[in-house]
Amino acid sequence: MEITKLLAELDLNKNEVRVYLASLEVGEAGLTRVANRAGLAPMTTKYLLQKLHEKECVTAVKKNQRYLYIPHPP
């Protein structure tokens, strides 16, 4: 099964899937790097990363006055 279909079945919307996959590609990264990889605005990406954190798809770790996002394996 294609990963995007699997993630959609887990109640992730299209943009959440986009941000999650971008996060998987870049690994542990800050907001800007994930946003650039996903091709979305930073504020939109921040909101989506917060939603993914609530759904336990990513972990947010505060480091040096900013957050790093670490994706959980699919």
PDB file of N, CA and C in Angstrom:
ATOM      1  N   MET A   1       0.843  -1.186   0.000  1.00  0.00           N
ATOM      2  CA  MET A   1       0.000   0.000   0.000  1.00  0.00           C
ATOM      3  C   MET A   1       0.882   1.242   0.000  1.00  0.00           C
ATOM      4  N   GLU A   2       0.492   2.221  -0.761  1.00  0.00           N
ATOM      5  CA  GLU A   2       1.231   3.469  -0.851  1.00  0.00           C
ATOM      6  C   GLU A   2       1.171   4.199   0.488  1.00  0.00           C
ATOM      7  N   ILE A   3       2.295   4.795   0.890  1.00  0.00           N
ATOM      8  CA  ILE A   3       2.381   5.422   2.213  1.00  0.00           C
ATOM      9  C   ILE A   3       1.389   6.579   2.372  1.00  0.00           C
ATOM     10  N   THR A   4       1.145   7.352   1.311  1.00  0.00           N
ATOM     11  CA  THR A   4       0.204   8.465   1.437  1.00  0.00           C
ATOM     12  C   THR A   4      -1.210   7.968   1.705  1.00  0.00           C
ATOM     13  N   LYS A   5      -1.585   6.844   1.106  1.00  0.00           N
ATOM     14  CA  LYS A   5      -2.910   6.272   1.361  1.00  0.00           C
ATOM     15  C   LYS A   5      -2.993   5.738   2.781  1.00  0.00           C
ATOM     16  N   LEU A   6      -1.920   5.118   3.233  1.00  0.00           N
ATOM     17  CA  LEU A   6      -1.878   4.601   4.596  1.00  0.00           C
ATOM     18  C   LEU A   6      -2.005   5.736   5.609  1.00  0.00           C
ATOM     19  N   LEU A   7      -1.286   6.827   5.370  1.00  0.00           N
ATOM     20  CA  LEU A   7      -1.349   7.970   6.282  1.00  0.00           C
ATOM     21  C   LEU A   7      -2.723   8.625   6.258  1.00  0.00           C
ATOM     22  N   ALA A   8      -3.353   8.652   5.101  1.00  0.00           N
ATOM     23  CA  ALA A   8      -4.710   9.204   5.007  1.00  0.00           C
ATOM     24  C   ALA A   8      -5.689   8.360   5.821  1.00  0.00           C
ATOM     25  N   GLU A   9      -5.477   7.052   5.840  1.00  0.00           N
ATOM     26  CA  GLU A   9      -6.318   6.179   6.642  1.00  0.00           C
ATOM     27  C   GLU A   9      -6.119   6.406   8.141  1.00  0.00           C
ATOM     28  N   LEU A  10      -4.994   7.001   8.510  1.00  0.00           N
ATOM     29  CA  LEU A  10      -4.712   7.314   9.912  1.00  0.00           C
ATOM     30  C   LEU A  10      -5.226   8.698  10.303  1.00  0.00           C
ATOM     31  N   ASP A  11      -6.140   9.236   9.513  1.00  0.00           N
ATOM     32  CA  ASP A  11      -6.766  10.535   9.779  1.00  0.00           C
ATOM     33  C   ASP A  11      -5.843  11.736   9.583  1.00  0.00           C
ATOM     34  N   LEU A  12      -4.884  11.631   8.683  1.00  0.00           N
ATOM     35  CA  LEU A  12      -4.059  12.785   8.338  1.00  0.00           C
ATOM     36  C   LEU A  12      -4.609  13.387   7.051  1.00  0.00           C
ATOM     37  N   ASN A  13      -4.791  14.710   7.043  1.00  0.00           N
ATOM     38  CA  ASN A  13      -5.267  15.344   5.817  1.00  0.00           C
ATOM     39  C   ASN A  13      -4.108  15.498   4.827  1.00  0.00           C
ATOM     40  N   LYS A  14      -4.425  15.978   3.640  1.00  0.00           N
ATOM     41  CA  LYS A  14      -3.436  16.072   2.557  1.00  0.00           C
ATOM     42  C   LYS A  14      -2.202  16.884   2.954  1.00  0.00           C
ATOM     43  N   ASN A  15      -2.398  18.032   3.581  1.00  0.00           N
ATOM     44  CA  ASN A  15      -1.263  18.870   3.968  1.00  0.00           C
ATOM     45  C   ASN A  15      -0.489  18.282   5.145  1.00  0.00           C
ATOM     46  N   GLU A  16      -1.173  17.603   6.059  1.00  0.00           N
ATOM     47  CA  GLU A  16      -0.469  16.936   7.149  1.00  0.00           C
ATOM     48  C   GLU A  16       0.425  15.830   6.592  1.00  0.00           C
ATOM     49  N   VAL A  17      -0.062  15.094   5.611  1.00  0.00           N
ATOM     50  CA  VAL A  17       0.741  14.060   4.960  1.00  0.00           C
ATOM     51  C   VAL A  17       1.951  14.702   4.291  1.00  0.00           C
ATOM     52  N   ARG A  18       1.728  15.797   3.621  1.00  0.00           N
ATOM     53  CA  ARG A  18       2.810  16.514   2.921  1.00  0.00           C
ATOM     54  C   ARG A  18       3.916  16.937   3.894  1.00  0.00           C
ATOM     55  N   VAL A  19       3.519  17.502   5.028  1.00  0.00           N
ATOM     56  CA  VAL A  19       4.492  17.966   6.025  1.00  0.00           C
ATOM     57  C   VAL A  19       5.178  16.769   6.698  1.00  0.00           C
ATOM     58  N   TYR A  20       4.417  15.725   6.991  1.00  0.00           N
ATOM     59  CA  TYR A  20       5.001  14.539   7.619  1.00  0.00           C
ATOM     60  C   TYR A  20       6.043  13.901   6.704  1.00  0.00           C
ATOM     61  N   LEU A  21       5.734  13.755   5.431  1.00  0.00           N
ATOM     62  CA  LEU A  21       6.690  13.164   4.487  1.00  0.00           C
ATOM     63  C   LEU A  21       7.931  14.047   4.332  1.00  0.00           C
ATOM     64  N   ALA A  22       7.735  15.367   4.316  1.00  0.00           N
ATOM     65  CA  ALA A  22       8.874  16.285   4.243  1.00  0.00           C
ATOM     66  C   ALA A  22       9.743  16.133   5.486  1.00  0.00           C
ATOM     67  N   SER A  23       9.097  15.989   6.626  1.00  0.00           N
ATOM     68  CA  SER A  23       9.823  15.814   7.876  1.00  0.00           C
ATOM     69  C   SER A  23      10.626  14.510   7.876  1.00  0.00           C
ATOM     70  N   LEU A  24      10.038  13.457   7.340  1.00  0.00           N
ATOM     71  CA  LEU A  24      10.760  12.188   7.230  1.00  0.00           C
ATOM     72  C   LEU A  24      11.988  12.324   6.331  1.00  0.00           C
ATOM     73  N   GLU A  25      11.850  13.099   5.264  1.00  0.00           N
ATOM     74  CA  GLU A  25      12.957  13.268   4.312  1.00  0.00           C
ATOM     75  C   GLU A  25      14.120  14.045   4.915  1.00  0.00           C
ATOM     76  N   VAL A  26      13.817  15.096   5.691  1.00  0.00           N
ATOM     77  CA  VAL A  26      14.895  15.927   6.235  1.00  0.00           C
ATOM     78  C   VAL A  26      15.380  15.446   7.595  1.00  0.00           C
ATOM     79  N   GLY A  27      14.589  14.603   8.263  1.00  0.00           N
ATOM     80  CA  GLY A  27      14.985  14.121   9.587  1.00  0.00           C
ATOM     81  C   GLY A  27      14.790  15.198  10.633  1.00  0.00           C
ATOM     82  N   GLU A  28      15.610  15.174  11.670  1.00  0.00           N
ATOM     83  CA  GLU A  28      15.512  16.177  12.736  1.00  0.00           C
ATOM     84  C   GLU A  28      15.840  17.546  12.147  1.00  0.00           C
ATOM     85  N   ALA A  29      14.864  18.454  12.194  1.00  0.00           N
ATOM     86  CA  ALA A  29      15.066  19.751  11.539  1.00  0.00           C
ATOM     87  C   ALA A  29      14.180  20.811  12.153  1.00  0.00           C
ATOM     88  N   GLY A  30      14.539  22.051  11.877  1.00  0.00           N
ATOM     89  CA  GLY A  30      13.741  23.178  12.316  1.00  0.00           C
ATOM     90  C   GLY A  30      12.587  23.452  11.368  1.00  0.00           C
ATOM     91  N   LEU A  31      11.759  24.383  11.771  1.00  0.00           N
ATOM     92  CA  LEU A  31      10.551  24.731  11.033  1.00  0.00           C
ATOM     93  C   LEU A  31      10.838  25.141   9.589  1.00  0.00           C
ATOM     94  N   THR A  32      11.805  26.010   9.393  1.00  0.00           N
ATOM     95  CA  THR A  32      12.090  26.539   8.060  1.00  0.00           C
ATOM     96  C   THR A  32      12.493  25.443   7.085  1.00  0.00           C
ATOM     97  N   ARG A  33      13.308  24.532   7.552  1.00  0.00           N
ATOM     98  CA  ARG A  33      13.769  23.449   6.668  1.00  0.00           C
ATOM     99  C   ARG A  33      12.608  22.536   6.264  1.00  0.00           C
ATOM    100  N   VAL A  34      11.743  22.225   7.223  1.00  0.00           N
ATOM    101  CA  VAL A  34      10.580  21.379   6.913  1.00  0.00           C
ATOM    102  C   VAL A  34       9.643  22.121   5.960  1.00  0.00           C
ATOM    103  N   ALA A  35       9.409  23.418   6.231  1.00  0.00           N
ATOM    104  CA  ALA A  35       8.517  24.213   5.385  1.00  0.00           C
ATOM    105  C   ALA A  35       9.042  24.293   3.954  1.00  0.00           C
ATOM    106  N   ASN A  36      10.329  24.516   3.806  1.00  0.00           N
ATOM    107  CA  ASN A  36      10.921  24.590   2.467  1.00  0.00           C
ATOM    108  C   ASN A  36      10.775  23.262   1.726  1.00  0.00           C
ATOM    109  N   ARG A  37      11.011  22.161   2.422  1.00  0.00           N
ATOM    110  CA  ARG A  37      10.907  20.846   1.787  1.00  0.00           C
ATOM    111  C   ARG A  37       9.462  20.527   1.411  1.00  0.00           C
ATOM    112  N   ALA A  38       8.515  20.955   2.262  1.00  0.00           N
ATOM    113  CA  ALA A  38       7.097  20.692   1.995  1.00  0.00           C
ATOM    114  C   ALA A  38       6.523  21.659   0.967  1.00  0.00           C
ATOM    115  N   GLY A  39       7.204  22.786   0.748  1.00  0.00           N
ATOM    116  CA  GLY A  39       6.712  23.778  -0.199  1.00  0.00           C
ATOM    117  C   GLY A  39       5.525  24.563   0.337  1.00  0.00           C
ATOM    118  N   LEU A  40       5.494  24.746   1.662  1.00  0.00           N
ATOM    119  CA  LEU A  40       4.403  25.488   2.301  1.00  0.00           C
ATOM    120  C   LEU A  40       4.969  26.667   3.078  1.00  0.00           C
ATOM    121  N   ALA A  41       4.102  27.608   3.403  1.00  0.00           N
ATOM    122  CA  ALA A  41       4.504  28.757   4.206  1.00  0.00           C
ATOM    123  C   ALA A  41       4.894  28.297   5.609  1.00  0.00           C
ATOM    124  N   PRO A  42       5.872  28.956   6.223  1.00  0.00           N
ATOM    125  CA  PRO A  42       6.299  28.554   7.565  1.00  0.00           C
ATOM    126  C   PRO A  42       5.176  28.533   8.602  1.00  0.00           C
ATOM    127  N   MET A  43       4.284  29.501   8.598  1.00  0.00           N
ATOM    128  CA  MET A  43       3.213  29.520   9.596  1.00  0.00           C
ATOM    129  C   MET A  43       2.234  28.374   9.382  1.00  0.00           C
ATOM    130  N   THR A  44       1.963  28.037   8.132  1.00  0.00           N
ATOM    131  CA  THR A  44       1.107  26.888   7.828  1.00  0.00           C
ATOM    132  C   THR A  44       1.785  25.613   8.292  1.00  0.00           C
ATOM    133  N   THR A  45       3.075  25.504   8.023  1.00  0.00           N
ATOM    134  CA  THR A  45       3.840  24.330   8.427  1.00  0.00           C
ATOM    135  C   THR A  45       3.888  24.208   9.939  1.00  0.00           C
ATOM    136  N   LYS A  46       4.050  25.329  10.628  1.00  0.00           N
ATOM    137  CA  LYS A  46       4.079  25.309  12.099  1.00  0.00           C
ATOM    138  C   LYS A  46       2.763  24.756  12.647  1.00  0.00           C
ATOM    139  N   TYR A  47       1.659  25.236  12.114  1.00  0.00           N
ATOM    140  CA  TYR A  47       0.344  24.758  12.539  1.00  0.00           C
ATOM    141  C   TYR A  47       0.216  23.252  12.287  1.00  0.00           C
ATOM    142  N   LEU A  48       0.629  22.815  11.103  1.00  0.00           N
ATOM    143  CA  LEU A  48       0.517  21.396  10.750  1.00  0.00           C
ATOM    144  C   LEU A  48       1.446  20.529  11.604  1.00  0.00           C
ATOM    145  N   LEU A  49       2.633  21.034  11.928  1.00  0.00           N
ATOM    146  CA  LEU A  49       3.539  20.289  12.798  1.00  0.00           C
ATOM    147  C   LEU A  49       2.960  20.163  14.204  1.00  0.00           C
ATOM    148  N   GLN A  50       2.266  21.204  14.661  1.00  0.00           N
ATOM    149  CA  GLN A  50       1.601  21.125  15.964  1.00  0.00           C
ATOM    150  C   GLN A  50       0.519  20.054  15.947  1.00  0.00           C
ATOM    151  N   LYS A  51      -0.239  19.998  14.846  1.00  0.00           N
ATOM    152  CA  LYS A  51      -1.274  18.968  14.713  1.00  0.00           C
ATOM    153  C   LYS A  51      -0.639  17.571  14.666  1.00  0.00           C
ATOM    154  N   LEU A  52       0.471  17.437  13.952  1.00  0.00           N
ATOM    155  CA  LEU A  52       1.164  16.155  13.879  1.00  0.00           C
ATOM    156  C   LEU A  52       1.739  15.762  15.242  1.00  0.00           C
ATOM    157  N   HIS A  53       2.169  16.746  16.013  1.00  0.00           N
ATOM    158  CA  HIS A  53       2.668  16.485  17.367  1.00  0.00           C
ATOM    159  C   HIS A  53       1.529  15.966  18.249  1.00  0.00           C
ATOM    160  N   GLU A  54       0.354  16.565  18.123  1.00  0.00           N
ATOM    161  CA  GLU A  54      -0.820  16.114  18.878  1.00  0.00           C
ATOM    162  C   GLU A  54      -1.202  14.686  18.499  1.00  0.00           C
ATOM    163  N   LYS A  55      -1.005  14.335  17.242  1.00  0.00           N
ATOM    164  CA  LYS A  55      -1.339  12.991  16.756  1.00  0.00           C
ATOM    165  C   LYS A  55      -0.179  12.015  16.942  1.00  0.00           C
ATOM    166  N   GLU A  56       0.882  12.473  17.620  1.00  0.00           N
ATOM    167  CA  GLU A  56       2.059  11.673  17.941  1.00  0.00           C
ATOM    168  C   GLU A  56       2.799  11.150  16.711  1.00  0.00           C
ATOM    169  N   CYS A  57       2.836  11.976  15.668  1.00  0.00           N
ATOM    170  CA  CYS A  57       3.593  11.628  14.458  1.00  0.00           C
ATOM    171  C   CYS A  57       4.986  12.247  14.470  1.00  0.00           C
ATOM    172  N   VAL A  58       5.135  13.341  15.209  1.00  0.00           N
ATOM    173  CA  VAL A  58       6.434  13.997  15.361  1.00  0.00           C
ATOM    174  C   VAL A  58       6.616  14.393  16.819  1.00  0.00           C
ATOM    175  N   THR A  59       7.877  14.562  17.201  1.00  0.00           N
ATOM    176  CA  THR A  59       8.216  15.072  18.526  1.00  0.00           C
ATOM    177  C   THR A  59       8.818  16.453  18.337  1.00  0.00           C
ATOM    178  N   ALA A  60       8.436  17.389  19.198  1.00  0.00           N
ATOM    179  CA  ALA A  60       8.988  18.742  19.165  1.00  0.00           C
ATOM    180  C   ALA A  60       9.912  18.898  20.364  1.00  0.00           C
ATOM    181  N   VAL A  61      11.166  19.278  20.093  1.00  0.00           N
ATOM    182  CA  VAL A  61      12.168  19.441  21.138  1.00  0.00           C
ATOM    183  C   VAL A  61      12.707  20.866  21.071  1.00  0.00           C
ATOM    184  N   LYS A  62      12.629  21.584  22.198  1.00  0.00           N
ATOM    185  CA  LYS A  62      13.146  22.956  22.222  1.00  0.00           C
ATOM    186  C   LYS A  62      14.655  22.913  22.419  1.00  0.00           C
ATOM    187  N   LYS A  63      15.368  23.588  21.509  1.00  0.00           N
ATOM    188  CA  LYS A  63      16.827  23.612  21.543  1.00  0.00           C
ATOM    189  C   LYS A  63      17.301  24.987  21.114  1.00  0.00           C
ATOM    190  N   ASN A  64      18.009  25.666  21.994  1.00  0.00           N
ATOM    191  CA  ASN A  64      18.548  27.000  21.685  1.00  0.00           C
ATOM    192  C   ASN A  64      17.486  27.968  21.178  1.00  0.00           C
ATOM    193  N   GLN A  65      16.421  28.145  21.921  1.00  0.00           N
ATOM    194  CA  GLN A  65      15.359  29.106  21.628  1.00  0.00           C
ATOM    195  C   GLN A  65      14.514  28.781  20.401  1.00  0.00           C
ATOM    196  N   ARG A  66      14.628  27.575  19.851  1.00  0.00           N
ATOM    197  CA  ARG A  66      13.777  27.179  18.733  1.00  0.00           C
ATOM    198  C   ARG A  66      13.443  25.706  18.867  1.00  0.00           C
ATOM    199  N   TYR A  67      12.453  25.283  18.122  1.00  0.00           N
ATOM    200  CA  TYR A  67      12.031  23.889  18.167  1.00  0.00           C
ATOM    201  C   TYR A  67      12.618  23.109  17.014  1.00  0.00           C
ATOM    202  N   LEU A  68      13.021  21.889  17.317  1.00  0.00           N
ATOM    203  CA  LEU A  68      13.409  20.930  16.294  1.00  0.00           C
ATOM    204  C   LEU A  68      12.306  19.874  16.260  1.00  0.00           C
ATOM    205  N   TYR A  69      11.951  19.445  15.082  1.00  0.00           N
ATOM    206  CA  TYR A  69      10.900  18.452  14.913  1.00  0.00           C
ATOM    207  C   TYR A  69      11.520  17.148  14.456  1.00  0.00           C
ATOM    208  N   ILE A  70      11.171  16.087  15.182  1.00  0.00           N
ATOM    209  CA  ILE A  70      11.724  14.767  14.903  1.00  0.00           C
ATOM    210  C   ILE A  70      10.561  13.851  14.520  1.00  0.00           C
ATOM    211  N   PRO A  71      10.560  13.364  13.282  1.00  0.00           N
ATOM    212  CA  PRO A  71       9.449  12.505  12.853  1.00  0.00           C
ATOM    213  C   PRO A  71       9.544  11.108  13.460  1.00  0.00           C
ATOM    214  N   HIS A  72       8.419  10.535  13.798  1.00  0.00           N
ATOM    215  CA  HIS A  72       8.362   9.149  14.243  1.00  0.00           C
ATOM    216  C   HIS A  72       8.273   8.283  12.995  1.00  0.00           C
ATOM    217  N   PRO A  73       8.832   7.079  13.036  1.00  0.00           N
ATOM    218  CA  PRO A  73       8.747   6.195  11.868  1.00  0.00           C
ATOM    219  C   PRO A  73       7.306   5.858  11.519  1.00  0.00           C
ATOM    220  N   PRO A  74       7.015   5.708  10.239  1.00  0.00           N
ATOM    221  CA  PRO A  74       5.622   5.394   9.843  1.00  0.00           C
ATOM    222  C   PRO A  74       5.180   4.024  10.325  1.00  0.00           C
TER     223      PRO A  74
END
